[in-house]
Amino acid sequence: MRFLVFNSRRWMQAMAMTAVFALVVLASPRLGQEDIPELPLPDGSGEVPEMIVSLISNPAVAGGPAGKLKLSSLRGKVVMLDMFWSKCPHCRDHAPHMVDLYNQYKGRGFSILGLATDSEDAMGVNNVRAFLRDTKINYPTAFIKPEVIAYYADPRNRSVPQMVLFGTDGKMVKRWIGWTEQIEKEVKAAIESQLGKAPVVKPGSKATSRDASRRVNRA
């Protein structure tokens, strides 16, 4: 499995004490210290910022530029963030399950956003596009951002594939790493549960919006 690396100032000392972290640092590219976002402070300031990712593929825009995507634009849907690496064999085995989930639930307001941990350069784009073609992924895919890792990836386990499910209100519901029959059951049950709670409203309506002051632990 590939590891996601996030060298948070607040977590570095504790993580450096483990052999696992040492292996991660040696095996994976490191995010620049200047890229690390500020986490919420004890007084409540510094809430989760708006996150904008660079799309690599967006099936909804056939033949056009992929562009940018604000994660807040996904509110109102049940959303799965799927973090992967194009060179990870486990991610290649995992991808068809995500395609099946998307095809099964997309008509009911479910969406998946793939987030590649590859380097955001020409080689990275080519590698990810080849991965998407090989695995027949048919949902939007973008490059991951440090903010996404900081707020939503498992702080104790940076391996991929890693999935994070959000409800229509933008709240994080649950996180899974890898794929097994048990995880599949849990994922489908969680999706069904969230879809059952989803309000019947049109995308972009006022009913799907929320107060910006309630952003902690939300996409």
C-alpha atoms as a PDB file:
ATOM      1  CA  MET A   1       0.000   0.000   0.000  1.00  0.00           C
ATOM      2  CA  ARG A   2       1.075   3.577  -0.671  1.00  0.00           C
ATOM      3  CA  PHE A   3       1.271   5.968   2.279  1.00  0.00           C
ATOM      4  CA  LEU A   4      -0.063   9.524   2.378  1.00  0.00           C
ATOM      5  CA  VAL A   5       2.453  11.749   4.148  1.00  0.00           C
ATOM      6  CA  PHE A   6       1.447  14.849   6.087  1.00  0.00           C
ATOM      7  CA  ASN A   7       4.169  16.415   8.245  1.00  0.00           C
ATOM      8  CA  SER A   8       1.963  18.448  10.612  1.00  0.00           C
ATOM      9  CA  ARG A   9       3.853  20.611  13.075  1.00  0.00           C
ATOM     10  CA  ARG A  10       1.513  19.416  15.786  1.00  0.00           C
ATOM     11  CA  TRP A  11       1.874  15.736  15.002  1.00  0.00           C
ATOM     12  CA  MET A  12       5.509  15.478  13.890  1.00  0.00           C
ATOM     13  CA  GLN A  13       7.073  14.825  17.291  1.00  0.00           C
ATOM     14  CA  ALA A  14       4.635  12.062  18.217  1.00  0.00           C
ATOM     15  CA  MET A  15       4.745  10.386  14.821  1.00  0.00           C
ATOM     16  CA  ALA A  16       8.535  10.500  14.652  1.00  0.00           C
ATOM     17  CA  MET A  17       8.634   8.184  17.639  1.00  0.00           C
ATOM     18  CA  THR A  18       7.180   5.302  15.649  1.00  0.00           C
ATOM     19  CA  ALA A  19       8.964   2.991  13.239  1.00  0.00           C
ATOM     20  CA  VAL A  20       5.982   3.145  10.913  1.00  0.00           C
ATOM     21  CA  PHE A  21       6.418   6.859  10.433  1.00  0.00           C
ATOM     22  CA  ALA A  22      10.086   6.363   9.683  1.00  0.00           C
ATOM     23  CA  LEU A  23       9.210   3.932   6.915  1.00  0.00           C
ATOM     24  CA  VAL A  24       6.643   6.319   5.491  1.00  0.00           C
ATOM     25  CA  VAL A  25       9.122   9.162   5.277  1.00  0.00           C
ATOM     26  CA  LEU A  26      11.634   6.989   3.470  1.00  0.00           C
ATOM     27  CA  ALA A  27       9.143   5.479   1.048  1.00  0.00           C
ATOM     28  CA  SER A  28       7.039   8.476  -0.005  1.00  0.00           C
ATOM     29  CA  PRO A  29       7.456  12.047  -1.251  1.00  0.00           C
ATOM     30  CA  ARG A  30       7.097  14.635   1.488  1.00  0.00           C
ATOM     31  CA  LEU A  31       4.796  17.630   1.381  1.00  0.00           C
ATOM     32  CA  GLY A  32       6.564  20.938   1.778  1.00  0.00           C
ATOM     33  CA  GLN A  33       6.385  22.493   5.236  1.00  0.00           C
ATOM     34  CA  GLU A  34       4.955  25.660   3.689  1.00  0.00           C
ATOM     35  CA  ASP A  35       1.990  23.657   2.348  1.00  0.00           C
ATOM     36  CA  ILE A  36       0.751  22.570   5.765  1.00  0.00           C
ATOM     37  CA  PRO A  37      -2.593  24.256   6.592  1.00  0.00           C
ATOM     38  CA  GLU A  38      -3.309  25.648  10.021  1.00  0.00           C
ATOM     39  CA  LEU A  39      -5.592  23.401  12.085  1.00  0.00           C
ATOM     40  CA  PRO A  40      -8.450  24.790  14.214  1.00  0.00           C
ATOM     41  CA  LEU A  41      -7.229  26.568  17.348  1.00  0.00           C
ATOM     42  CA  PRO A  42      -8.557  25.995  20.901  1.00  0.00           C
ATOM     43  CA  ASP A  43     -10.601  29.211  20.692  1.00  0.00           C
ATOM     44  CA  GLY A  44     -12.457  27.896  17.647  1.00  0.00           C
ATOM     45  CA  SER A  45     -10.745  30.091  15.086  1.00  0.00           C
ATOM     46  CA  GLY A  46      -9.006  28.633  12.057  1.00  0.00           C
ATOM     47  CA  GLU A  47     -11.915  26.438  10.965  1.00  0.00           C
ATOM     48  CA  VAL A  48     -11.765  24.060   8.020  1.00  0.00           C
ATOM     49  CA  PRO A  49     -11.098  26.239   4.965  1.00  0.00           C
ATOM     50  CA  GLU A  50     -12.773  26.023   1.590  1.00  0.00           C
ATOM     51  CA  MET A  51     -10.968  23.266  -0.312  1.00  0.00           C
ATOM     52  CA  ILE A  52     -10.484  23.563  -4.063  1.00  0.00           C
ATOM     53  CA  VAL A  53      -8.977  20.653  -5.980  1.00  0.00           C
ATOM     54  CA  SER A  54      -7.614  20.466  -9.521  1.00  0.00           C
ATOM     55  CA  LEU A  55      -9.646  18.018 -11.574  1.00  0.00           C
ATOM     56  CA  ILE A  56      -7.807  15.514 -13.744  1.00  0.00           C
ATOM     57  CA  SER A  57     -10.960  14.029 -15.190  1.00  0.00           C
ATOM     58  CA  ASN A  58     -14.576  15.154 -15.085  1.00  0.00           C
ATOM     59  CA  PRO A  59     -16.916  12.896 -17.092  1.00  0.00           C
ATOM     60  CA  ALA A  60     -19.632  15.556 -16.832  1.00  0.00           C
ATOM     61  CA  VAL A  61     -17.588  17.835 -19.133  1.00  0.00           C
ATOM     62  CA  ALA A  62     -16.975  15.687 -22.195  1.00  0.00           C
ATOM     63  CA  GLY A  63     -14.053  16.887 -24.274  1.00  0.00           C
ATOM     64  CA  GLY A  64     -13.636  20.069 -22.222  1.00  0.00           C
ATOM     65  CA  PRO A  65     -11.115  21.204 -19.611  1.00  0.00           C
ATOM     66  CA  ALA A  66     -11.369  19.444 -16.274  1.00  0.00           C
ATOM     67  CA  GLY A  67     -11.027  22.701 -14.296  1.00  0.00           C
ATOM     68  CA  LYS A  68     -11.333  23.177 -10.548  1.00  0.00           C
ATOM     69  CA  LEU A  69     -13.825  21.844  -8.030  1.00  0.00           C
ATOM     70  CA  LYS A  70     -14.880  23.315  -4.682  1.00  0.00           C
ATOM     71  CA  LEU A  71     -15.624  20.522  -2.252  1.00  0.00           C
ATOM     72  CA  SER A  72     -18.419  22.664  -0.815  1.00  0.00           C
ATOM     73  CA  SER A  73     -20.230  22.352  -4.160  1.00  0.00           C
ATOM     74  CA  LEU A  74     -20.857  18.677  -3.340  1.00  0.00           C
ATOM     75  CA  ARG A  75     -23.048  19.484  -0.337  1.00  0.00           C
ATOM     76  CA  GLY A  76     -26.573  18.242  -0.757  1.00  0.00           C
ATOM     77  CA  LYS A  77     -25.297  14.853  -1.920  1.00  0.00           C
ATOM     78  CA  VAL A  78     -23.977  11.839  -0.083  1.00  0.00           C
ATOM     79  CA  VAL A  79     -20.306  11.979  -1.065  1.00  0.00           C
ATOM     80  CA  MET A  80     -17.389   9.570  -0.904  1.00  0.00           C
ATOM     81  CA  LEU A  81     -13.814  10.827  -1.132  1.00  0.00           C
ATOM     82  CA  ASP A  82     -11.645   8.000  -2.469  1.00  0.00           C
ATOM     83  CA  MET A  83      -7.904   8.552  -1.963  1.00  0.00           C
ATOM     84  CA  PHE A  84      -5.605   6.454  -4.149  1.00  0.00           C
ATOM     85  CA  TRP A  85      -2.224   6.259  -5.856  1.00  0.00           C
ATOM     86  CA  SER A  86      -2.010   5.299  -9.537  1.00  0.00           C
ATOM     87  CA  LYS A  87       0.904   2.904  -8.901  1.00  0.00           C
ATOM     88  CA  CYS A  88      -0.708   1.138  -5.948  1.00  0.00           C
ATOM     89  CA  PRO A  89      -1.789  -2.450  -6.800  1.00  0.00           C
ATOM     90  CA  HIS A  90      -4.299  -2.423  -3.943  1.00  0.00           C
ATOM     91  CA  CYS A  91      -5.854   0.734  -5.416  1.00  0.00           C
ATOM     92  CA  ARG A  92      -6.112  -0.952  -8.801  1.00  0.00           C
ATOM     93  CA  ASP A  93      -7.988  -3.876  -7.207  1.00  0.00           C
ATOM     94  CA  HIS A  94     -10.099  -1.422  -5.208  1.00  0.00           C
ATOM     95  CA  ALA A  95     -11.206   0.803  -8.117  1.00  0.00           C
ATOM     96  CA  PRO A  96     -13.800  -1.570  -9.670  1.00  0.00           C
ATOM     97  CA  HIS A  97     -15.636  -1.705  -6.337  1.00  0.00           C
ATOM     98  CA  MET A  98     -15.854   2.090  -6.320  1.00  0.00           C
ATOM     99  CA  VAL A  99     -17.187   2.095  -9.884  1.00  0.00           C
ATOM    100  CA  ASP A 100     -19.830  -0.452  -8.852  1.00  0.00           C
ATOM    101  CA  LEU A 101     -20.833   1.693  -5.856  1.00  0.00           C
ATOM    102  CA  TYR A 102     -21.101   4.789  -8.020  1.00  0.00           C
ATOM    103  CA  ASN A 103     -23.202   3.050 -10.655  1.00  0.00           C
ATOM    104  CA  GLN A 104     -25.476   1.532  -8.025  1.00  0.00           C
ATOM    105  CA  TYR A 105     -26.230   4.716  -6.083  1.00  0.00           C
ATOM    106  CA  LYS A 106     -25.570   7.720  -8.361  1.00  0.00           C
ATOM    107  CA  GLY A 107     -29.228   7.938  -9.379  1.00  0.00           C
ATOM    108  CA  ARG A 108     -30.159   8.511  -5.729  1.00  0.00           C
ATOM    109  CA  GLY A 109     -27.869  11.464  -5.077  1.00  0.00           C
ATOM    110  CA  PHE A 110     -24.600   9.655  -4.313  1.00  0.00           C
ATOM    111  CA  SER A 111     -21.319  10.966  -5.686  1.00  0.00           C
ATOM    112  CA  ILE A 112     -17.677   9.896  -5.563  1.00  0.00           C
ATOM    113  CA  LEU A 113     -14.651  12.138  -5.935  1.00  0.00           C
ATOM    114  CA  GLY A 114     -11.396  10.296  -6.586  1.00  0.00           C
ATOM    115  CA  LEU A 115      -8.324  11.989  -5.097  1.00  0.00           C
ATOM    116  CA  ALA A 116      -4.958  10.951  -6.506  1.00  0.00           C
ATOM    117  CA  THR A 117      -1.870  11.234  -4.309  1.00  0.00           C
ATOM    118  CA  ASP A 118       0.396  11.316  -7.382  1.00  0.00           C
ATOM    119  CA  SER A 119       2.643  14.320  -7.972  1.00  0.00           C
ATOM    120  CA  GLU A 120       0.777  17.199  -9.598  1.00  0.00           C
ATOM    121  CA  ASP A 121       2.905  17.416 -12.747  1.00  0.00           C
ATOM    122  CA  ALA A 122       2.794  16.130 -16.333  1.00  0.00           C
ATOM    123  CA  MET A 123       3.985  12.655 -15.353  1.00  0.00           C
ATOM    124  CA  GLY A 124       1.459  12.492 -12.537  1.00  0.00           C
ATOM    125  CA  VAL A 125      -1.362  13.515 -14.871  1.00  0.00           C
ATOM    126  CA  ASN A 126      -0.354  10.865 -17.397  1.00  0.00           C
ATOM    127  CA  ASN A 127      -0.107   8.156 -14.735  1.00  0.00           C
ATOM    128  CA  VAL A 128      -3.487   8.990 -13.256  1.00  0.00           C
ATOM    129  CA  ARG A 129      -5.197   9.189 -16.648  1.00  0.00           C
ATOM    130  CA  ALA A 130      -3.785   5.782 -17.544  1.00  0.00           C
ATOM    131  CA  PHE A 131      -5.089   4.431 -14.221  1.00  0.00           C
ATOM    132  CA  LEU A 132      -8.543   5.877 -14.922  1.00  0.00           C
ATOM    133  CA  ARG A 133      -8.633   4.313 -18.390  1.00  0.00           C
ATOM    134  CA  ASP A 134      -7.508   0.913 -17.137  1.00  0.00           C
ATOM    135  CA  THR A 135      -9.971   0.836 -14.237  1.00  0.00           C
ATOM    136  CA  LYS A 136     -12.844   2.496 -16.183  1.00  0.00           C
ATOM    137  CA  ILE A 137     -13.475   5.059 -13.454  1.00  0.00           C
ATOM    138  CA  ASN A 138     -16.479   7.156 -14.504  1.00  0.00           C
ATOM    139  CA  TYR A 139     -16.661   9.752 -11.713  1.00  0.00           C
ATOM    140  CA  PRO A 140     -14.659  12.986 -11.237  1.00  0.00           C
ATOM    141  CA  THR A 141     -11.031  12.627 -10.177  1.00  0.00           C
ATOM    142  CA  ALA A 142      -8.659  15.279  -8.873  1.00  0.00           C
ATOM    143  CA  PHE A 143      -5.281  15.695  -7.211  1.00  0.00           C
ATOM    144  CA  ILE A 144      -5.404  15.544  -3.428  1.00  0.00           C
ATOM    145  CA  LYS A 145      -4.560  18.664  -1.396  1.00  0.00           C
ATOM    146  CA  PRO A 146      -2.697  18.900   1.932  1.00  0.00           C
ATOM    147  CA  GLU A 147      -5.863  20.261   3.567  1.00  0.00           C
ATOM    148  CA  VAL A 148      -7.784  17.121   2.641  1.00  0.00           C
ATOM    149  CA  ILE A 149      -5.076  14.943   4.182  1.00  0.00           C
ATOM    150  CA  ALA A 150      -4.878  17.106   7.294  1.00  0.00           C
ATOM    151  CA  TYR A 151      -8.601  17.110   8.022  1.00  0.00           C
ATOM    152  CA  TYR A 152      -9.927  13.840   6.643  1.00  0.00           C
ATOM    153  CA  ALA A 153      -7.206  11.168   6.251  1.00  0.00           C
ATOM    154  CA  ASP A 154      -6.593   8.817   9.177  1.00  0.00           C
ATOM    155  CA  PRO A 155      -3.901  10.523  11.297  1.00  0.00           C
ATOM    156  CA  ARG A 156      -2.519   7.126  12.382  1.00  0.00           C
ATOM    157  CA  ASN A 157      -2.617   5.326   9.058  1.00  0.00           C
ATOM    158  CA  ARG A 158      -1.783   7.078   5.775  1.00  0.00           C
ATOM    159  CA  SER A 159      -2.148   4.027   3.556  1.00  0.00           C
ATOM    160  CA  VAL A 160      -4.362   3.971   0.474  1.00  0.00           C
ATOM    161  CA  PRO A 161      -6.922   3.219  -0.774  1.00  0.00           C
ATOM    162  CA  GLN A 162      -8.703   5.251   1.866  1.00  0.00           C
ATOM    163  CA  MET A 163     -12.375   6.265   1.719  1.00  0.00           C
ATOM    164  CA  VAL A 164     -14.218   8.981   3.629  1.00  0.00           C
ATOM    165  CA  LEU A 165     -18.023   9.222   3.515  1.00  0.00           C
ATOM    166  CA  PHE A 166     -19.940  12.487   4.035  1.00  0.00           C
ATOM    167  CA  GLY A 167     -23.649  13.082   4.543  1.00  0.00           C
ATOM    168  CA  THR A 168     -25.692  15.683   2.664  1.00  0.00           C
ATOM    169  CA  ASP A 169     -24.982  18.219   5.414  1.00  0.00           C
ATOM    170  CA  GLY A 170     -21.231  17.956   4.781  1.00  0.00           C
ATOM    171  CA  LYS A 171     -20.477  16.084   7.996  1.00  0.00           C
ATOM    172  CA  MET A 172     -17.914  13.288   7.879  1.00  0.00           C
ATOM    173  CA  VAL A 173     -19.697   9.991   8.607  1.00  0.00           C
ATOM    174  CA  LYS A 174     -17.011   7.318   8.563  1.00  0.00           C
ATOM    175  CA  ARG A 175     -13.591   6.394   7.170  1.00  0.00           C
ATOM    176  CA  TRP A 176     -12.345   3.058   5.802  1.00  0.00           C
ATOM    177  CA  ILE A 177      -8.919   1.861   4.641  1.00  0.00           C
ATOM    178  CA  GLY A 178      -8.619  -0.936   2.094  1.00  0.00           C
ATOM    179  CA  TRP A 179     -11.420  -3.183   0.869  1.00  0.00           C
ATOM    180  CA  THR A 180     -12.795  -6.423   2.269  1.00  0.00           C
ATOM    181  CA  GLU A 181     -16.191  -8.113   2.226  1.00  0.00           C
ATOM    182  CA  GLN A 182     -16.868  -6.707   5.685  1.00  0.00           C
ATOM    183  CA  ILE A 183     -15.890  -3.192   4.612  1.00  0.00           C
ATOM    184  CA  GLU A 184     -18.139  -3.536   1.563  1.00  0.00           C
ATOM    185  CA  LYS A 185     -21.103  -4.360   3.821  1.00  0.00           C
ATOM    186  CA  GLU A 186     -20.307  -1.426   6.108  1.00  0.00           C
ATOM    187  CA  VAL A 187     -19.876   0.998   3.203  1.00  0.00           C
ATOM    188  CA  LYS A 188     -23.161   0.049   1.566  1.00  0.00           C
ATOM    189  CA  ALA A 189     -25.024   0.166   4.872  1.00  0.00           C
ATOM    190  CA  ALA A 190     -23.602   3.630   5.601  1.00  0.00           C
ATOM    191  CA  ILE A 191     -24.473   4.910   2.129  1.00  0.00           C
ATOM    192  CA  GLU A 192     -28.012   3.541   2.400  1.00  0.00           C
ATOM    193  CA  SER A 193     -28.390   5.129   5.824  1.00  0.00           C
ATOM    194  CA  GLN A 194     -27.238   8.547   4.618  1.00  0.00           C
ATOM    195  CA  LEU A 195     -29.373   8.413   1.478  1.00  0.00           C
ATOM    196  CA  GLY A 196     -32.338   7.620   3.697  1.00  0.00           C
ATOM    197  CA  LYS A 197     -31.709  10.835   5.630  1.00  0.00           C
ATOM    198  CA  ALA A 198     -31.193  12.966   2.527  1.00  0.00           C
ATOM    199  CA  PRO A 199     -33.776  15.724   2.049  1.00  0.00           C
ATOM    200  CA  VAL A 200     -35.645  15.713  -1.233  1.00  0.00           C
ATOM    201  CA  VAL A 201     -34.397  19.025  -2.615  1.00  0.00           C
ATOM    202  CA  LYS A 202     -32.949  20.274  -5.875  1.00  0.00           C
ATOM    203  CA  PRO A 203     -29.136  20.603  -5.997  1.00  0.00           C
ATOM    204  CA  GLY A 204     -28.031  24.146  -5.254  1.00  0.00           C
ATOM    205  CA  SER A 205     -31.239  25.115  -3.456  1.00  0.00           C
ATOM    206  CA  LYS A 206     -31.176  26.953  -0.133  1.00  0.00           C
ATOM    207  CA  ALA A 207     -32.128  23.750   1.661  1.00  0.00           C
ATOM    208  CA  THR A 208     -28.730  22.245   0.828  1.00  0.00           C
ATOM    209  CA  SER A 209     -26.711  25.201   2.064  1.00  0.00           C
ATOM    210  CA  ARG A 210     -25.369  25.652   5.573  1.00  0.00           C
ATOM    211  CA  ASP A 211     -23.976  28.343   7.805  1.00  0.00           C
ATOM    212  CA  ALA A 212     -20.259  28.931   7.210  1.00  0.00           C
ATOM    213  CA  SER A 213     -19.717  29.012  10.962  1.00  0.00           C
ATOM    214  CA  ARG A 214     -20.424  25.276  11.215  1.00  0.00           C
ATOM    215  CA  ARG A 215     -17.560  24.021   9.091  1.00  0.00           C
ATOM    216  CA  VAL A 216     -15.441  21.977  11.487  1.00  0.00           C
ATOM    217  CA  ASN A 217     -15.000  18.357  10.308  1.00  0.00           C
ATOM    218  CA  ARG A 218     -16.936  19.022   7.114  1.00  0.00           C
ATOM    219  CA  ALA A 219     -16.026  18.832   3.446  1.00  0.00           C
END
